[in-house]
Amino acid sequence: MYKTILLTIDLEHEASWKHALPVAIDFAKVPGATLHVLSVVPNFGSALVASEFPASYLEKALGKAKAKLEALVAAQVPAQVKTISHVGAGRVHEAILEYIDSSGADLVVMASHAPDRVREFLVGSNADRVVRRSPVSIHVVRC
């Protein structure tokens, strides 16, 4: 059914992949399917904040995230599932939306916490932002 499945995870929060990863693996067991696993290192939010960090900070953070993601995939994804790991940087929902386009994903699997009205009003959720703007189907797993 789906051939290019994109799983988005937050490496710092096990809940973001604990329940969503098995769902994504099930979708990716179809012959010819590929599972893309994406984690995004958030940006600093402003140039003023970014200026307080060393120039190599983002590069090091991306390298650590890539190593952690590859270890997670090796440990949790069965060898028969074709998997590609990706690490991005920037605003999380924007990076996910860009990767949907560049990867040709036809399904996105992502976790989301149960709605919290106050948090949603103040900052919203990345899952909500992706669901509203995605050109492809989204499978949201509540954690």
Protein backbone atom coordinates (compact mmCIF):
# COMPACT_ATOMS: atom_id res chain seq x y z
CA MET A 1 0.00 0.00 0.00
CA TYR A 2 2.49 2.68 1.14
CA LYS A 3 5.98 2.51 -0.32
CA THR A 4 7.84 5.37 1.37
CA ILE A 5 7.06 5.65 5.06
CA LEU A 6 8.52 8.51 7.08
CA LEU A 7 8.78 8.06 10.85
CA THR A 8 9.61 11.20 12.78
CA ILE A 9 11.11 10.85 16.24
CA ASP A 10 12.60 12.93 19.01
CA LEU A 11 15.73 11.15 20.18
CA GLU A 12 15.48 12.81 23.59
CA HIS A 13 12.00 11.43 24.29
CA GLU A 14 11.57 7.67 24.14
CA ALA A 15 7.79 8.10 24.01
CA SER A 16 8.16 9.64 20.54
CA TRP A 17 9.31 6.34 19.09
CA LYS A 18 8.36 3.61 21.58
CA HIS A 19 4.82 3.24 20.23
CA ALA A 20 5.23 4.82 16.79
CA LEU A 21 8.22 2.74 15.64
CA PRO A 22 6.36 -0.61 15.71
CA VAL A 23 3.51 0.95 13.72
CA ALA A 24 5.92 2.32 11.13
CA ILE A 25 7.69 -1.05 10.89
CA ASP A 26 4.35 -2.77 10.21
CA PHE A 27 3.65 -0.34 7.36
CA ALA A 28 7.18 -0.86 6.00
CA LYS A 29 6.96 -4.67 5.87
CA VAL A 30 5.24 -4.43 2.49
CA PRO A 31 7.55 -5.66 -0.30
CA GLY A 32 9.33 -2.74 -1.92
CA ALA A 33 8.65 -0.34 0.95
CA THR A 34 11.30 1.84 2.58
CA LEU A 35 11.19 3.22 6.09
CA HIS A 36 12.80 6.63 6.50
CA VAL A 37 13.47 7.56 10.12
CA LEU A 38 13.93 11.28 10.72
CA SER A 39 15.01 13.14 13.83
CA VAL A 40 15.33 16.91 13.85
CA VAL A 41 17.76 18.89 15.96
CA PRO A 42 15.83 22.07 16.81
CA ASN A 43 17.36 25.39 15.88
CA PHE A 44 18.16 28.10 18.40
CA GLY A 45 15.07 30.12 17.68
CA SER A 46 16.89 33.41 17.22
CA ALA A 47 20.19 34.75 15.96
CA LEU A 48 20.86 36.31 19.37
CA VAL A 49 20.69 32.92 21.09
CA ALA A 50 22.69 31.24 18.31
CA SER A 51 25.49 33.77 18.73
CA GLU A 52 26.10 32.49 22.27
CA PHE A 53 27.04 29.02 21.01
CA PRO A 54 30.32 27.99 19.35
CA ALA A 55 30.23 27.86 15.55
CA SER A 56 30.75 24.08 15.61
CA TYR A 57 27.86 23.43 18.02
CA LEU A 58 25.24 22.53 15.42
CA GLU A 59 27.65 20.32 13.48
CA LYS A 60 28.53 18.40 16.66
CA ALA A 61 24.87 18.14 17.68
CA LEU A 62 23.96 16.74 14.25
CA GLY A 63 26.81 14.21 14.43
CA LYS A 64 25.72 13.00 17.88
CA ALA A 65 22.10 12.80 16.77
CA LYS A 66 23.05 10.80 13.66
CA ALA A 67 25.05 8.29 15.73
CA LYS A 68 22.26 7.94 18.27
CA LEU A 69 19.64 7.52 15.55
CA GLU A 70 21.66 4.88 13.71
CA ALA A 71 22.16 2.95 16.97
CA LEU A 72 18.42 3.10 17.69
CA VAL A 73 17.53 1.89 14.19
CA ALA A 74 20.09 -0.94 14.36
CA ALA A 75 18.72 -2.09 17.71
CA GLN A 76 14.99 -1.68 17.06
CA VAL A 77 14.27 -2.22 13.35
CA PRO A 78 14.34 -5.75 11.92
CA ALA A 79 17.05 -6.30 9.31
CA GLN A 80 14.51 -7.26 6.61
CA VAL A 81 12.94 -3.76 6.73
CA LYS A 82 14.77 -1.42 4.35
CA THR A 83 15.55 1.61 6.50
CA ILE A 84 17.28 4.92 5.90
CA SER A 85 18.19 7.24 8.80
CA HIS A 86 18.10 11.01 8.46
CA VAL A 87 18.92 13.88 10.77
CA GLY A 88 17.74 17.40 10.04
CA ALA A 89 18.04 20.77 11.71
CA GLY A 90 15.71 23.72 12.10
CA ARG A 91 12.15 24.24 13.21
CA VAL A 92 10.86 20.72 13.73
CA HIS A 93 7.59 20.90 11.82
CA GLU A 94 9.20 22.79 8.93
CA ALA A 95 12.00 20.23 8.64
CA ILE A 96 9.47 17.39 8.63
CA LEU A 97 7.37 19.05 5.92
CA GLU A 98 10.46 19.68 3.79
CA TYR A 99 11.53 16.07 4.19
CA ILE A 100 8.10 14.80 3.16
CA ASP A 101 8.62 16.56 -0.16
CA SER A 102 12.27 15.64 -0.68
CA SER A 103 11.86 11.96 0.23
CA GLY A 104 8.68 11.38 -1.72
CA ALA A 105 7.03 9.98 1.41
CA ASP A 106 3.48 8.80 0.93
CA LEU A 107 2.82 8.23 4.65
CA VAL A 108 4.12 9.88 7.81
CA VAL A 109 4.00 8.13 11.17
CA MET A 110 4.56 10.28 14.23
CA ALA A 111 3.78 10.26 17.92
CA SER A 112 1.92 12.94 19.79
CA HIS A 113 1.02 13.41 23.41
CA ALA A 114 -2.63 13.61 24.35
CA PRO A 115 -3.95 17.12 23.78
CA ASP A 116 -3.35 19.69 26.49
CA ARG A 117 -5.49 22.78 25.84
CA VAL A 118 -3.18 25.27 27.57
CA ARG A 119 -0.01 24.01 25.85
CA GLU A 120 -1.78 23.89 22.49
CA PHE A 121 -3.02 27.46 22.90
CA LEU A 122 0.41 28.78 23.85
CA VAL A 123 2.74 26.90 21.52
CA GLY A 124 0.82 24.24 19.61
CA SER A 125 2.33 20.87 18.77
CA ASN A 126 4.61 19.79 15.96
CA ALA A 127 2.23 16.94 15.13
CA ASP A 128 -0.65 19.40 14.81
CA ARG A 129 1.37 21.67 12.53
CA VAL A 130 2.44 18.76 10.33
CA VAL A 131 -1.06 17.28 10.13
CA ARG A 132 -2.54 20.60 9.02
CA ARG A 133 0.07 21.23 6.31
CA SER A 134 1.07 17.79 5.06
CA PRO A 135 0.35 16.84 1.45
CA VAL A 136 0.28 13.12 2.43
CA SER A 137 -1.50 10.94 4.96
CA ILE A 138 -0.38 11.15 8.59
CA HIS A 139 -0.75 8.34 11.09
CA VAL A 140 -0.58 9.89 14.57
CA VAL A 141 0.15 7.49 17.42
CA ARG A 142 -0.90 8.74 20.84
CA CYS A 143 1.67 8.18 23.55
